Every structure is written in structure tokens, then in C-alpha cells.
C-alpha atoms as a PDB file:
ATOM      1  CA  MET A   1     100.653  55.260 129.836  1.00  0.00           C
ATOM      2  CA  LYS A   2     103.735  55.055 132.063  1.00  0.00           C
ATOM      3  CA  LEU A   3     105.893  56.143 129.162  1.00  0.00           C
ATOM      4  CA  MET A   4     103.670  59.175 128.584  1.00  0.00           C
ATOM      5  CA  SER A   5     103.899  60.135 132.281  1.00  0.00           C
ATOM      6  CA  LEU A   6     107.674  59.798 132.167  1.00  0.00           C
ATOM      7  CA  PHE A   7     107.854  61.957 129.029  1.00  0.00           C
ATOM      8  CA  ILE A   8     105.702  64.690 130.573  1.00  0.00           C
ATOM      9  CA  GLY A   9     107.785  64.636 133.765  1.00  0.00           C
ATOM     10  CA  LEU A  10     111.036  64.927 131.831  1.00  0.00           C
ATOM     11  CA  PHE A  11     109.598  67.716 129.686  1.00  0.00           C
ATOM     12  CA  PHE A  12     108.721  69.800 132.747  1.00  0.00           C
ATOM     13  CA  MET A  13     112.130  69.110 134.323  1.00  0.00           C
ATOM     14  CA  ILE A  14     113.847  70.397 131.189  1.00  0.00           C
ATOM     15  CA  ILE A  15     111.636  73.497 131.093  1.00  0.00           C
ATOM     16  CA  ASN A  16     112.232  74.148 134.801  1.00  0.00           C
ATOM     17  CA  SER A  17     115.993  73.732 134.308  1.00  0.00           C
ATOM     18  CA  ALA A  18     115.958  76.195 131.421  1.00  0.00           C
ATOM     19  CA  ASP A  19     113.977  78.671 133.527  1.00  0.00           C
ATOM     20  CA  MET A  20     116.472  78.375 136.405  1.00  0.00           C
ATOM     21  CA  ASN A  21     119.406  78.969 134.059  1.00  0.00           C
ATOM     22  CA  GLN A  22     117.683  82.039 132.671  1.00  0.00           C
ATOM     23  CA  ILE A  23     116.753  83.264 136.165  1.00  0.00           C
ATOM     24  CA  ARG A  24     120.343  82.831 137.358  1.00  0.00           C
ATOM     25  CA  ASP A  25     121.679  84.654 134.320  1.00  0.00           C
ATOM     26  CA  LEU A  26     119.301  87.567 134.828  1.00  0.00           C
ATOM     27  CA  TYR A  27     120.118  87.630 138.555  1.00  0.00           C
ATOM     28  CA  LYS A  28     123.786  88.312 137.766  1.00  0.00           C
ATOM     29  CA  HIS A  29     122.916  91.453 135.805  1.00  0.00           C
ATOM     30  CA  ALA A  30     119.679  92.639 137.399  1.00  0.00           C
ATOM     31  CA  HIS A  31     121.284  95.328 139.548  1.00  0.00           C
ATOM     32  CA  GLU A  32     122.915  96.998 136.537  1.00  0.00           C
ATOM     33  CA  SER A  33     119.808  98.753 135.201  1.00  0.00           C
ATOM     34  CA  LYS A  34     116.091  99.250 135.673  1.00  0.00           C
ATOM     35  CA  GLU A  35     115.451  97.304 132.456  1.00  0.00           C
ATOM     36  CA  ASN A  36     117.461  94.316 133.689  1.00  0.00           C
ATOM     37  CA  THR A  37     115.676  94.432 137.036  1.00  0.00           C
ATOM     38  CA  ASP A  38     112.294  94.562 135.300  1.00  0.00           C
ATOM     39  CA  ARG A  39     113.155  91.537 133.112  1.00  0.00           C
ATOM     40  CA  PHE A  40     114.376  89.622 136.167  1.00  0.00           C
ATOM     41  CA  TYR A  41     111.229  90.563 138.087  1.00  0.00           C
ATOM     42  CA  GLU A  42     108.859  89.550 135.283  1.00  0.00           C
ATOM     43  CA  LEU A  43     110.543  86.185 134.712  1.00  0.00           C
ATOM     44  CA  THR A  44     110.502  85.294 138.403  1.00  0.00           C
ATOM     45  CA  LYS A  45     106.938  86.532 138.769  1.00  0.00           C
ATOM     46  CA  GLU A  46     105.822  84.246 135.920  1.00  0.00           C
ATOM     47  CA  SER A  47     107.810  81.220 137.156  1.00  0.00           C
ATOM     48  CA  ASP A  48     106.730  78.531 139.631  1.00  0.00           C
ATOM     49  CA  GLN A  49     106.857  80.235 143.012  1.00  0.00           C
ATOM     50  CA  GLN A  50     105.986  76.973 144.741  1.00  0.00           C
ATOM     51  CA  ASP A  51     109.698  76.252 144.326  1.00  0.00           C
ATOM     52  CA  PRO A  52     111.444  77.988 147.274  1.00  0.00           C
ATOM     53  CA  VAL A  53     114.441  78.949 145.110  1.00  0.00           C
ATOM     54  CA  VAL A  54     112.226  80.667 142.540  1.00  0.00           C
ATOM     55  CA  LEU A  55     110.380  82.378 145.398  1.00  0.00           C
ATOM     56  CA  GLY A  56     113.725  83.563 146.765  1.00  0.00           C
ATOM     57  CA  TYR A  57     114.719  84.991 143.398  1.00  0.00           C
ATOM     58  CA  TYR A  58     111.314  86.658 143.104  1.00  0.00           C
ATOM     59  CA  GLY A  59     111.889  88.226 146.519  1.00  0.00           C
ATOM     60  CA  CYS A  60     115.309  89.399 145.377  1.00  0.00           C
ATOM     61  CA  ALA A  61     113.824  90.909 142.211  1.00  0.00           C
ATOM     62  CA  THR A  62     111.128  92.655 144.237  1.00  0.00           C
ATOM     63  CA  ALA A  63     113.716  94.104 146.628  1.00  0.00           C
ATOM     64  CA  LEU A  64     115.827  95.238 143.661  1.00  0.00           C
ATOM     65  CA  LYS A  65     112.837  97.023 142.144  1.00  0.00           C
ATOM     66  CA  ALA A  66     112.894  99.223 145.247  1.00  0.00           C
ATOM     67  CA  SER A  67     116.162 100.802 144.153  1.00  0.00           C
ATOM     68  CA  PHE A  68     114.532 102.025 140.936  1.00  0.00           C
ATOM     69  CA  ALA A  69     111.133 102.994 142.400  1.00  0.00           C
ATOM     70  CA  ASP A  70     109.933 106.564 142.779  1.00  0.00           C
ATOM     71  CA  GLY A  71     109.267 107.833 146.269  1.00  0.00           C
ATOM     72  CA  VAL A  72     110.465 106.682 149.667  1.00  0.00           C
ATOM     73  CA  TRP A  73     107.255 104.843 150.574  1.00  0.00           C
ATOM     74  CA  LYS A  74     107.197 102.857 147.349  1.00  0.00           C
ATOM     75  CA  LYS A  75     110.865 101.945 147.802  1.00  0.00           C
ATOM     76  CA  LEU A  76     110.249 100.848 151.385  1.00  0.00           C
ATOM     77  CA  SER A  77     107.135  98.879 150.467  1.00  0.00           C
ATOM     78  CA  LEU A  78     108.872  96.978 147.660  1.00  0.00           C
ATOM     79  CA  PHE A  79     111.914  96.243 149.797  1.00  0.00           C
ATOM     80  CA  LYS A  80     109.803  94.940 152.689  1.00  0.00           C
ATOM     81  CA  GLU A  81     107.798  92.738 150.316  1.00  0.00           C
ATOM     82  CA  GLY A  82     110.989  91.321 148.790  1.00  0.00           C
ATOM     83  CA  ARG A  83     112.491  90.712 152.209  1.00  0.00           C
ATOM     84  CA  LYS A  84     109.379  88.865 153.326  1.00  0.00           C
ATOM     85  CA  LEU A  85     109.463  86.621 150.242  1.00  0.00           C
ATOM     86  CA  ILE A  86     113.146  85.776 150.710  1.00  0.00           C
ATOM     87  CA  ASP A  87     112.627  84.971 154.395  1.00  0.00           C
ATOM     88  CA  LYS A  88     109.598  82.816 153.565  1.00  0.00           C
ATOM     89  CA  ALA A  89     111.651  80.859 151.045  1.00  0.00           C
ATOM     90  CA  ILE A  90     114.454  80.304 153.547  1.00  0.00           C
ATOM     91  CA  ILE A  91     112.029  79.171 156.239  1.00  0.00           C
ATOM     92  CA  SER A  92     110.775  76.492 153.836  1.00  0.00           C
ATOM     93  CA  ALA A  93     114.314  75.395 152.832  1.00  0.00           C
ATOM     94  CA  PRO A  94     116.790  76.623 155.480  1.00  0.00           C
ATOM     95  CA  ASN A  95     119.713  74.538 154.211  1.00  0.00           C
ATOM     96  CA  ASN A  96     119.445  75.597 150.590  1.00  0.00           C
ATOM     97  CA  ILE A  97     122.739  77.224 149.665  1.00  0.00           C
ATOM     98  CA  GLU A  98     121.278  79.133 146.727  1.00  0.00           C
ATOM     99  CA  LEU A  99     118.685  80.774 148.967  1.00  0.00           C
ATOM    100  CA  ARG A 100     121.423  81.724 151.418  1.00  0.00           C
ATOM    101  CA  MET A 101     123.352  83.289 148.528  1.00  0.00           C
ATOM    102  CA  ILE A 102     120.284  85.274 147.473  1.00  0.00           C
ATOM    103  CA  ARG A 103     119.664  86.564 151.000  1.00  0.00           C
ATOM    104  CA  LEU A 104     123.339  87.408 151.457  1.00  0.00           C
ATOM    105  CA  SER A 105     123.430  89.442 148.256  1.00  0.00           C
ATOM    106  CA  VAL A 106     120.304  91.396 149.228  1.00  0.00           C
ATOM    107  CA  GLN A 107     121.393  91.967 152.832  1.00  0.00           C
ATOM    108  CA  TYR A 108     124.873  93.070 151.832  1.00  0.00           C
ATOM    109  CA  GLY A 109     123.519  95.474 149.217  1.00  0.00           C
ATOM    110  CA  ALA A 110     120.728  96.920 151.347  1.00  0.00           C
ATOM    111  CA  PRO A 111     121.207 100.256 153.072  1.00  0.00           C
ATOM    112  CA  LYS A 112     121.895  99.738 156.781  1.00  0.00           C
ATOM    113  CA  ILE A 113     118.912 101.918 157.689  1.00  0.00           C
ATOM    114  CA  LEU A 114     116.627  99.119 156.460  1.00  0.00           C
ATOM    115  CA  MET A 115     117.955  96.880 159.260  1.00  0.00           C
ATOM    116  CA  TYR A 116     118.264  93.805 157.031  1.00  0.00           C
ATOM    117  CA  TYR A 117     121.762  92.619 157.756  1.00  0.00           C
ATOM    118  CA  SER A 118     121.571  90.223 160.708  1.00  0.00           C
ATOM    119  CA  GLU A 119     122.335  87.045 158.726  1.00  0.00           C
ATOM    120  CA  ILE A 120     125.276  88.271 156.636  1.00  0.00           C
ATOM    121  CA  GLU A 121     127.963  86.457 158.611  1.00  0.00           C
ATOM    122  CA  ASN A 122     125.872  83.280 159.057  1.00  0.00           C
ATOM    123  CA  ASP A 123     125.049  83.081 155.349  1.00  0.00           C
ATOM    124  CA  LYS A 124     128.632  83.836 154.352  1.00  0.00           C
ATOM    125  CA  ALA A 125     129.936  81.030 156.588  1.00  0.00           C
ATOM    126  CA  PHE A 126     127.197  78.634 155.417  1.00  0.00           C
ATOM    127  CA  ILE A 127     128.075  79.253 151.773  1.00  0.00           C
ATOM    128  CA  LEU A 128     131.822  78.833 152.295  1.00  0.00           C
ATOM    129  CA  ASN A 129     131.320  75.652 154.337  1.00  0.00           C
ATOM    130  CA  ASN A 130     128.885  74.030 151.901  1.00  0.00           C
ATOM    131  CA  VAL A 131     129.766  75.128 148.369  1.00  0.00           C
ATOM    132  CA  ASP A 132     131.974  72.105 147.722  1.00  0.00           C
ATOM    133  CA  ALA A 133     129.127  69.753 148.694  1.00  0.00           C
ATOM    134  CA  VAL A 134     126.749  71.091 146.003  1.00  0.00           C
ATOM    135  CA  SER A 135     125.924  68.153 143.742  1.00  0.00           C
ATOM    136  CA  SER A 136     125.095  70.157 140.619  1.00  0.00           C
ATOM    137  CA  SER A 137     128.325  71.275 138.981  1.00  0.00           C
ATOM    138  CA  GLY A 138     126.513  74.139 137.246  1.00  0.00           C
ATOM    139  CA  LEU A 139     125.098  75.459 140.510  1.00  0.00           C
ATOM    140  CA  GLN A 140     128.438  74.961 142.246  1.00  0.00           C
ATOM    141  CA  GLN A 141     130.199  77.002 139.547  1.00  0.00           C
ATOM    142  CA  PHE A 142     127.498  79.687 139.778  1.00  0.00           C
ATOM    143  CA  ILE A 143     127.978  80.004 143.559  1.00  0.00           C
ATOM    144  CA  LYS A 144     131.772  79.961 143.268  1.00  0.00           C
ATOM    145  CA  ALA A 145     131.545  82.786 140.727  1.00  0.00           C
ATOM    146  CA  PHE A 146     129.338  84.684 143.187  1.00  0.00           C
ATOM    147  CA  ILE A 147     131.983  84.172 145.907  1.00  0.00           C
ATOM    148  CA  ALA A 148     134.789  85.300 143.587  1.00  0.00           C
ATOM    149  CA  ASN A 149     132.951  88.433 142.431  1.00  0.00           C
ATOM    150  CA  SER A 150     131.109  89.524 145.571  1.00  0.00           C
ATOM    151  CA  GLU A 151     132.534  92.265 147.757  1.00  0.00           C
ATOM    152  CA  VAL A 152     131.192  90.563 150.881  1.00  0.00           C
ATOM    153  CA  PHE A 153     133.759  87.768 150.488  1.00  0.00           C
ATOM    154  CA  LYS A 154     136.614  90.223 149.964  1.00  0.00           C
ATOM    155  CA  GLU A 155     136.203  91.794 153.398  1.00  0.00           C
END
């Protein structure tokens, strides 16, 4: 019985890991097209949103959908919903570097009129100060690639 429980636990860890790799891959390309954003949104919507990181990515996907939505009110509604989801995720895991990266990317890319930019400098500093302490080499490489490719770190 214990062996069966261990097997089931490992199975779900492997599935969750695969989902996170796929989510991260889609995140990198979501902004490039409506189709990419829709795929990113659907995957995060179908994933376990009890996990704060998945919830953060879902918030990011929702905010990104705003850029492809028709009409000002729809754009504003989607962006506000995405913002709320990201902030909820960060409240539940304030020291999670991946969540800080997600929020930074959304805040930096958001039009200033939306007034979602107050944590840019804090998140940027948090990421730079903590990236080397990330225990997962895959996640650390992912965040370092974000730093290397993001305009916010070139300023």
C-alpha cells in the first residue's frame, strides 16, 4: 500500500513538472501572437491553480489576452482580472522568485495608464539578489535567460 502511494505521488510530481516546463515554454512566446497567448491561457486555465506559480502564470495569460481583445472595456476587464490573479499568487508566496518574474514582466509591459508599475524596481532587485539561490538548475537557467533577454534589466 505504501509503495502504491509513493508511485502515485511520484506520478503526479512528474506530470506537474512536465506541465510547468510546458507552461514556462509557452510563457516565453505568448506575447508573440494571439494564438500563442490563447494556448498559454488554455494550458494555465486547465492546470492546478492551487499552486501559486500556476495561478501567477494564469494571471499573466489573462492579462496578455487583454492585448488581443476587442474593445477598451474588454481589454481593461481582462487586464484587471489578470492583475488580481498575479497579486493573489504573490500574496500567498511573496518570496517566490518565479512569481516576482511574472509580475515584473507584466508590469513592465503594461501601458502606464493602467497604473500597474509600482513593484518594478522591487521585483527587479529581488530577482537579481536571489537568482543564484534558486535550487532548481532548470528554473535558475529560465530566470537567468529572462534577465538576459528582458529590456527591464537593460535599463
